[in-house]
Amino acid sequence: MTTIELSNDFVNEATVMATTMHRSLAMQIEYWAKLGKIAEENPDLPMAFVKDILVGLQQVKTDDISEYEFE
């Protein structure tokens, strides 16, 4: 574990989002960092697409998947 200093404004914003999304403060900041890393590595992908990929990966990890049915 590493300790870092963050601005109070950033921590306050992260706290609001963490509470809203039922995450700990650390988990919220890690989530934002992961999104930022993916966005920098894939600048052509829309953020909504990146979020959908993360949701899909989590669903696979928790075996919460079903076959997609095309209409």
PDB file of N, CA and C in Angstrom:
ATOM      1  N   MET A   1       0.847  -1.175   0.000  1.00  0.00           N
ATOM      2  CA  MET A   1       0.000   0.000   0.000  1.00  0.00           C
ATOM      3  C   MET A   1       0.891   1.236   0.000  1.00  0.00           C
ATOM      4  N   THR A   2       0.476   2.241  -0.744  1.00  0.00           N
ATOM      5  CA  THR A   2       1.216   3.484  -0.852  1.00  0.00           C
ATOM      6  C   THR A   2       0.318   4.638  -0.446  1.00  0.00           C
ATOM      7  N   THR A   3       0.886   5.586   0.263  1.00  0.00           N
ATOM      8  CA  THR A   3       0.145   6.776   0.654  1.00  0.00           C
ATOM      9  C   THR A   3       0.473   7.899  -0.320  1.00  0.00           C
ATOM     10  N   ILE A   4      -0.580   8.589  -0.782  1.00  0.00           N
ATOM     11  CA  ILE A   4      -0.382   9.733  -1.672  1.00  0.00           C
ATOM     12  C   ILE A   4      -1.213  10.899  -1.165  1.00  0.00           C
ATOM     13  N   GLU A   5      -0.819  12.103  -1.542  1.00  0.00           N
ATOM     14  CA  GLU A   5      -1.585  13.292  -1.176  1.00  0.00           C
ATOM     15  C   GLU A   5      -2.462  13.697  -2.337  1.00  0.00           C
ATOM     16  N   LEU A   6      -3.719  13.971  -2.040  1.00  0.00           N
ATOM     17  CA  LEU A   6      -4.680  14.425  -3.038  1.00  0.00           C
ATOM     18  C   LEU A   6      -5.328  15.702  -2.535  1.00  0.00           C
ATOM     19  N   SER A   7      -5.772  16.538  -3.467  1.00  0.00           N
ATOM     20  CA  SER A   7      -6.411  17.783  -3.051  1.00  0.00           C
ATOM     21  C   SER A   7      -7.739  17.483  -2.360  1.00  0.00           C
ATOM     22  N   ASN A   8      -8.120  18.359  -1.468  1.00  0.00           N
ATOM     23  CA  ASN A   8      -9.393  18.197  -0.758  1.00  0.00           C
ATOM     24  C   ASN A   8     -10.573  18.205  -1.723  1.00  0.00           C
ATOM     25  N   ASP A   9     -10.500  19.066  -2.745  1.00  0.00           N
ATOM     26  CA  ASP A   9     -11.587  19.122  -3.727  1.00  0.00           C
ATOM     27  C   ASP A   9     -11.760  17.787  -4.436  1.00  0.00           C
ATOM     28  N   PHE A  10     -10.649  17.191  -4.845  1.00  0.00           N
ATOM     29  CA  PHE A  10     -10.709  15.893  -5.528  1.00  0.00           C
ATOM     30  C   PHE A  10     -11.276  14.820  -4.606  1.00  0.00           C
ATOM     31  N   VAL A  11     -10.803  14.789  -3.376  1.00  0.00           N
ATOM     32  CA  VAL A  11     -11.279  13.793  -2.415  1.00  0.00           C
ATOM     33  C   VAL A  11     -12.767  13.988  -2.147  1.00  0.00           C
ATOM     34  N   ASN A  12     -13.219  15.226  -2.046  1.00  0.00           N
ATOM     35  CA  ASN A  12     -14.642  15.490  -1.819  1.00  0.00           C
ATOM     36  C   ASN A  12     -15.480  14.994  -3.004  1.00  0.00           C
ATOM     37  N   GLU A  13     -15.027  15.265  -4.230  1.00  0.00           N
ATOM     38  CA  GLU A  13     -15.750  14.785  -5.415  1.00  0.00           C
ATOM     39  C   GLU A  13     -15.769  13.257  -5.450  1.00  0.00           C
ATOM     40  N   ALA A  14     -14.642  12.647  -5.157  1.00  0.00           N
ATOM     41  CA  ALA A  14     -14.558  11.185  -5.159  1.00  0.00           C
ATOM     42  C   ALA A  14     -15.439  10.584  -4.068  1.00  0.00           C
ATOM     43  N   THR A  15     -15.530  11.248  -2.931  1.00  0.00           N
ATOM     44  CA  THR A  15     -16.373  10.766  -1.838  1.00  0.00           C
ATOM     45  C   THR A  15     -17.841  10.771  -2.237  1.00  0.00           C
ATOM     46  N   VAL A  16     -18.275  11.829  -2.903  1.00  0.00           N
ATOM     47  CA  VAL A  16     -19.666  11.912  -3.374  1.00  0.00           C
ATOM     48  C   VAL A  16     -19.956  10.767  -4.347  1.00  0.00           C
ATOM     49  N   MET A  17     -19.066  10.574  -5.314  1.00  0.00           N
ATOM     50  CA  MET A  17     -19.274   9.507  -6.294  1.00  0.00           C
ATOM     51  C   MET A  17     -19.185   8.128  -5.651  1.00  0.00           C
ATOM     52  N   ALA A  18     -18.263   7.955  -4.726  1.00  0.00           N
ATOM     53  CA  ALA A  18     -18.111   6.670  -4.045  1.00  0.00           C
ATOM     54  C   ALA A  18     -19.384   6.308  -3.293  1.00  0.00           C
ATOM     55  N   THR A  19     -19.949   7.277  -2.605  1.00  0.00           N
ATOM     56  CA  THR A  19     -21.190   7.039  -1.862  1.00  0.00           C
ATOM     57  C   THR A  19     -22.322   6.703  -2.824  1.00  0.00           C
ATOM     58  N   THR A  20     -22.412   7.453  -3.899  1.00  0.00           N
ATOM     59  CA  THR A  20     -23.458   7.237  -4.896  1.00  0.00           C
ATOM     60  C   THR A  20     -23.351   5.859  -5.530  1.00  0.00           C
ATOM     61  N   MET A  21     -22.127   5.421  -5.817  1.00  0.00           N
ATOM     62  CA  MET A  21     -21.900   4.159  -6.516  1.00  0.00           C
ATOM     63  C   MET A  21     -21.661   2.986  -5.560  1.00  0.00           C
ATOM     64  N   HIS A  22     -21.826   3.226  -4.260  1.00  0.00           N
ATOM     65  CA  HIS A  22     -21.647   2.181  -3.235  1.00  0.00           C
ATOM     66  C   HIS A  22     -20.245   1.573  -3.289  1.00  0.00           C
ATOM     67  N   ARG A  23     -19.251   2.458  -3.393  1.00  0.00           N
ATOM     68  CA  ARG A  23     -17.844   2.056  -3.386  1.00  0.00           C
ATOM     69  C   ARG A  23     -17.154   2.744  -2.221  1.00  0.00           C
ATOM     70  N   SER A  24     -16.032   2.185  -1.817  1.00  0.00           N
ATOM     71  CA  SER A  24     -15.195   2.893  -0.852  1.00  0.00           C
ATOM     72  C   SER A  24     -14.497   4.034  -1.587  1.00  0.00           C
ATOM     73  N   LEU A  25     -13.960   4.966  -0.842  1.00  0.00           N
ATOM     74  CA  LEU A  25     -13.230   6.076  -1.449  1.00  0.00           C
ATOM     75  C   LEU A  25     -12.054   5.541  -2.270  1.00  0.00           C
ATOM     76  N   ALA A  26     -11.308   4.600  -1.705  1.00  0.00           N
ATOM     77  CA  ALA A  26     -10.161   4.032  -2.423  1.00  0.00           C
ATOM     78  C   ALA A  26     -10.607   3.335  -3.705  1.00  0.00           C
ATOM     79  N   MET A  27     -11.700   2.598  -3.649  1.00  0.00           N
ATOM     80  CA  MET A  27     -12.191   1.906  -4.840  1.00  0.00           C
ATOM     81  C   MET A  27     -12.621   2.898  -5.912  1.00  0.00           C
ATOM     82  N   GLN A  28     -13.226   4.016  -5.504  1.00  0.00           N
ATOM     83  CA  GLN A  28     -13.650   5.035  -6.468  1.00  0.00           C
ATOM     84  C   GLN A  28     -12.442   5.645  -7.171  1.00  0.00           C
ATOM     85  N   ILE A  29     -11.418   5.970  -6.401  1.00  0.00           N
ATOM     86  CA  ILE A  29     -10.219   6.568  -6.995  1.00  0.00           C
ATOM     87  C   ILE A  29      -9.516   5.565  -7.905  1.00  0.00           C
ATOM     88  N   GLU A  30      -9.458   4.302  -7.498  1.00  0.00           N
ATOM     89  CA  GLU A  30      -8.874   3.271  -8.361  1.00  0.00           C
ATOM     90  C   GLU A  30      -9.682   3.132  -9.652  1.00  0.00           C
ATOM     91  N   TYR A  31     -10.999   3.203  -9.560  1.00  0.00           N
ATOM     92  CA  TYR A  31     -11.862   3.108 -10.735  1.00  0.00           C
ATOM     93  C   TYR A  31     -11.565   4.261 -11.697  1.00  0.00           C
ATOM     94  N   TRP A  32     -11.506   5.480 -11.159  1.00  0.00           N
ATOM     95  CA  TRP A  32     -11.198   6.622 -12.004  1.00  0.00           C
ATOM     96  C   TRP A  32      -9.808   6.480 -12.634  1.00  0.00           C
ATOM     97  N   ALA A  33      -8.849   5.989 -11.869  1.00  0.00           N
ATOM     98  CA  ALA A  33      -7.493   5.806 -12.399  1.00  0.00           C
ATOM     99  C   ALA A  33      -7.494   4.775 -13.518  1.00  0.00           C
ATOM    100  N   LYS A  34      -8.250   3.703 -13.337  1.00  0.00           N
ATOM    101  CA  LYS A  34      -8.336   2.675 -14.375  1.00  0.00           C
ATOM    102  C   LYS A  34      -8.959   3.244 -15.642  1.00  0.00           C
ATOM    103  N   LEU A  35     -10.043   4.016 -15.489  1.00  0.00           N
ATOM    104  CA  LEU A  35     -10.669   4.644 -16.658  1.00  0.00           C
ATOM    105  C   LEU A  35      -9.698   5.576 -17.367  1.00  0.00           C
ATOM    106  N   GLY A  36      -8.980   6.369 -16.617  1.00  0.00           N
ATOM    107  CA  GLY A  36      -8.015   7.296 -17.195  1.00  0.00           C
ATOM    108  C   GLY A  36      -6.897   6.573 -17.924  1.00  0.00           C
ATOM    109  N   LYS A  37      -6.410   5.485 -17.354  1.00  0.00           N
ATOM    110  CA  LYS A  37      -5.351   4.697 -17.982  1.00  0.00           C
ATOM    111  C   LYS A  37      -5.838   4.113 -19.302  1.00  0.00           C
ATOM    112  N   ILE A  38      -7.023   3.518 -19.282  1.00  0.00           N
ATOM    113  CA  ILE A  38      -7.578   2.926 -20.497  1.00  0.00           C
ATOM    114  C   ILE A  38      -7.819   4.012 -21.546  1.00  0.00           C
ATOM    115  N   ALA A  39      -8.324   5.163 -21.131  1.00  0.00           N
ATOM    116  CA  ALA A  39      -8.588   6.261 -22.066  1.00  0.00           C
ATOM    117  C   ALA A  39      -7.290   6.745 -22.717  1.00  0.00           C
ATOM    118  N   GLU A  40      -6.218   6.838 -21.944  1.00  0.00           N
ATOM    119  CA  GLU A  40      -4.939   7.265 -22.518  1.00  0.00           C
ATOM    120  C   GLU A  40      -4.378   6.221 -23.472  1.00  0.00           C
ATOM    121  N   GLU A  41      -4.561   4.949 -23.146  1.00  0.00           N
ATOM    122  CA  GLU A  41      -4.048   3.879 -23.989  1.00  0.00           C
ATOM    123  C   GLU A  41      -4.884   3.688 -25.257  1.00  0.00           C
ATOM    124  N   ASN A  42      -6.134   4.138 -25.232  1.00  0.00           N
ATOM    125  CA  ASN A  42      -7.060   3.943 -26.353  1.00  0.00           C
ATOM    126  C   ASN A  42      -7.800   5.240 -26.652  1.00  0.00           C
ATOM    127  N   PRO A  43      -7.107   6.255 -27.135  1.00  0.00           N
ATOM    128  CA  PRO A  43      -7.737   7.574 -27.299  1.00  0.00           C
ATOM    129  C   PRO A  43      -8.885   7.613 -28.303  1.00  0.00           C
ATOM    130  N   ASP A  44      -8.989   6.615 -29.157  1.00  0.00           N
ATOM    131  CA  ASP A  44     -10.056   6.617 -30.158  1.00  0.00           C
ATOM    132  C   ASP A  44     -11.357   5.992 -29.659  1.00  0.00           C
ATOM    133  N   LEU A  45     -11.326   5.376 -28.473  1.00  0.00           N
ATOM    134  CA  LEU A  45     -12.534   4.741 -27.947  1.00  0.00           C
ATOM    135  C   LEU A  45     -13.351   5.728 -27.126  1.00  0.00           C
ATOM    136  N   PRO A  46     -14.665   5.764 -27.331  1.00  0.00           N
ATOM    137  CA  PRO A  46     -15.522   6.612 -26.495  1.00  0.00           C
ATOM    138  C   PRO A  46     -15.539   6.092 -25.049  1.00  0.00           C
ATOM    139  N   MET A  47     -15.647   6.999 -24.096  1.00  0.00           N
ATOM    140  CA  MET A  47     -15.632   6.614 -22.682  1.00  0.00           C
ATOM    141  C   MET A  47     -16.763   5.649 -22.357  1.00  0.00           C
ATOM    142  N   ALA A  48     -17.931   5.818 -22.959  1.00  0.00           N
ATOM    143  CA  ALA A  48     -19.052   4.906 -22.699  1.00  0.00           C
ATOM    144  C   ALA A  48     -18.685   3.484 -23.119  1.00  0.00           C
ATOM    145  N   PHE A  49     -17.956   3.356 -24.214  1.00  0.00           N
ATOM    146  CA  PHE A  49     -17.521   2.037 -24.674  1.00  0.00           C
ATOM    147  C   PHE A  49     -16.547   1.421 -23.677  1.00  0.00           C
ATOM    148  N   VAL A  50     -15.620   2.218 -23.175  1.00  0.00           N
ATOM    149  CA  VAL A  50     -14.653   1.744 -22.180  1.00  0.00           C
ATOM    150  C   VAL A  50     -15.388   1.256 -20.933  1.00  0.00           C
ATOM    151  N   LYS A  51     -16.377   2.028 -20.466  1.00  0.00           N
ATOM    152  CA  LYS A  51     -17.149   1.625 -19.290  1.00  0.00           C
ATOM    153  C   LYS A  51     -17.894   0.324 -19.545  1.00  0.00           C
ATOM    154  N   ASP A  52     -18.472   0.178 -20.750  1.00  0.00           N
ATOM    155  CA  ASP A  52     -19.182  -1.058 -21.089  1.00  0.00           C
ATOM    156  C   ASP A  52     -18.242  -2.254 -21.075  1.00  0.00           C
ATOM    157  N   ILE A  53     -17.019  -2.065 -21.535  1.00  0.00           N
ATOM    158  CA  ILE A  53     -16.037  -3.147 -21.503  1.00  0.00           C
ATOM    159  C   ILE A  53     -15.742  -3.543 -20.063  1.00  0.00           C
ATOM    160  N   LEU A  54     -15.555  -2.557 -19.187  1.00  0.00           N
ATOM    161  CA  LEU A  54     -15.275  -2.859 -17.774  1.00  0.00           C
ATOM    162  C   LEU A  54     -16.436  -3.597 -17.129  1.00  0.00           C
ATOM    163  N   VAL A  55     -17.656  -3.204 -17.447  1.00  0.00           N
ATOM    164  CA  VAL A  55     -18.834  -3.905 -16.921  1.00  0.00           C
ATOM    165  C   VAL A  55     -18.844  -5.343 -17.425  1.00  0.00           C
ATOM    166  N   GLY A  56     -18.581  -5.527 -18.711  1.00  0.00           N
ATOM    167  CA  GLY A  56     -18.554  -6.862 -19.285  1.00  0.00           C
ATOM    168  C   GLY A  56     -17.494  -7.744 -18.649  1.00  0.00           C
ATOM    169  N   LEU A  57     -16.313  -7.198 -18.420  1.00  0.00           N
ATOM    170  CA  LEU A  57     -15.254  -7.966 -17.776  1.00  0.00           C
ATOM    171  C   LEU A  57     -15.653  -8.382 -16.359  1.00  0.00           C
ATOM    172  N   GLN A  58     -16.295  -7.474 -15.634  1.00  0.00           N
ATOM    173  CA  GLN A  58     -16.742  -7.812 -14.279  1.00  0.00           C
ATOM    174  C   GLN A  58     -17.830  -8.886 -14.316  1.00  0.00           C
ATOM    175  N   GLN A  59     -18.709  -8.819 -15.299  1.00  0.00           N
ATOM    176  CA  GLN A  59     -19.761  -9.830 -15.425  1.00  0.00           C
ATOM    177  C   GLN A  59     -19.152 -11.203 -15.694  1.00  0.00           C
ATOM    178  N   VAL A  60     -18.118 -11.254 -16.502  1.00  0.00           N
ATOM    179  CA  VAL A  60     -17.452 -12.529 -16.769  1.00  0.00           C
ATOM    180  C   VAL A  60     -16.805 -13.055 -15.488  1.00  0.00           C
ATOM    181  N   LYS A  61     -16.152 -12.173 -14.733  1.00  0.00           N
ATOM    182  CA  LYS A  61     -15.500 -12.593 -13.483  1.00  0.00           C
ATOM    183  C   LYS A  61     -16.499 -13.174 -12.489  1.00  0.00           C
ATOM    184  N   THR A  62     -17.708 -12.630 -12.467  1.00  0.00           N
ATOM    185  CA  THR A  62     -18.717 -13.091 -11.505  1.00  0.00           C
ATOM    186  C   THR A  62     -19.669 -14.109 -12.113  1.00  0.00           C
ATOM    187  N   ASP A  63     -19.338 -14.571 -13.318  1.00  0.00           N
ATOM    188  CA  ASP A  63     -20.151 -15.562 -14.029  1.00  0.00           C
ATOM    189  C   ASP A  63     -21.586 -15.088 -14.220  1.00  0.00           C
ATOM    190  N   ASP A  64     -21.749 -13.790 -14.409  1.00  0.00           N
ATOM    191  CA  ASP A  64     -23.058 -13.176 -14.632  1.00  0.00           C
ATOM    192  C   ASP A  64     -23.214 -12.894 -16.123  1.00  0.00           C
ATOM    193  N   ILE A  65     -23.182 -13.960 -16.914  1.00  0.00           N
ATOM    194  CA  ILE A  65     -23.224 -13.800 -18.357  1.00  0.00           C
ATOM    195  C   ILE A  65     -24.340 -14.645 -18.956  1.00  0.00           C
ATOM    196  N   SER A  66     -24.816 -14.201 -20.083  1.00  0.00           N
ATOM    197  CA  SER A  66     -25.815 -14.966 -20.820  1.00  0.00           C
ATOM    198  C   SER A  66     -25.553 -14.762 -22.309  1.00  0.00           C
ATOM    199  N   GLU A  67     -26.037 -15.675 -23.100  1.00  0.00           N
ATOM    200  CA  GLU A  67     -25.807 -15.590 -24.533  1.00  0.00           C
ATOM    201  C   GLU A  67     -26.584 -14.402 -25.110  1.00  0.00           C
ATOM    202  N   TYR A  68     -25.903 -13.643 -25.964  1.00  0.00           N
ATOM    203  CA  TYR A  68     -26.554 -12.484 -26.596  1.00  0.00           C
ATOM    204  C   TYR A  68     -27.462 -12.985 -27.704  1.00  0.00           C
ATOM    205  N   GLU A  69     -28.663 -12.466 -27.740  1.00  0.00           N
ATOM    206  CA  GLU A  69     -29.607 -12.853 -28.783  1.00  0.00           C
ATOM    207  C   GLU A  69     -29.805 -11.685 -29.729  1.00  0.00           C
ATOM    208  N   PHE A  70     -29.495 -11.915 -30.999  1.00  0.00           N
ATOM    209  CA  PHE A  70     -29.684 -10.898 -32.017  1.00  0.00           C
ATOM    210  C   PHE A  70     -31.157 -10.843 -32.402  1.00  0.00           C
ATOM    211  N   GLU A  71     -31.628  -9.653 -32.681  1.00  0.00           N
ATOM    212  CA  GLU A  71     -33.038  -9.500 -33.058  1.00  0.00           C
ATOM    213  C   GLU A  71     -33.193  -9.497 -34.543  1.00  0.00           C
TER     214      GLU A  71
END
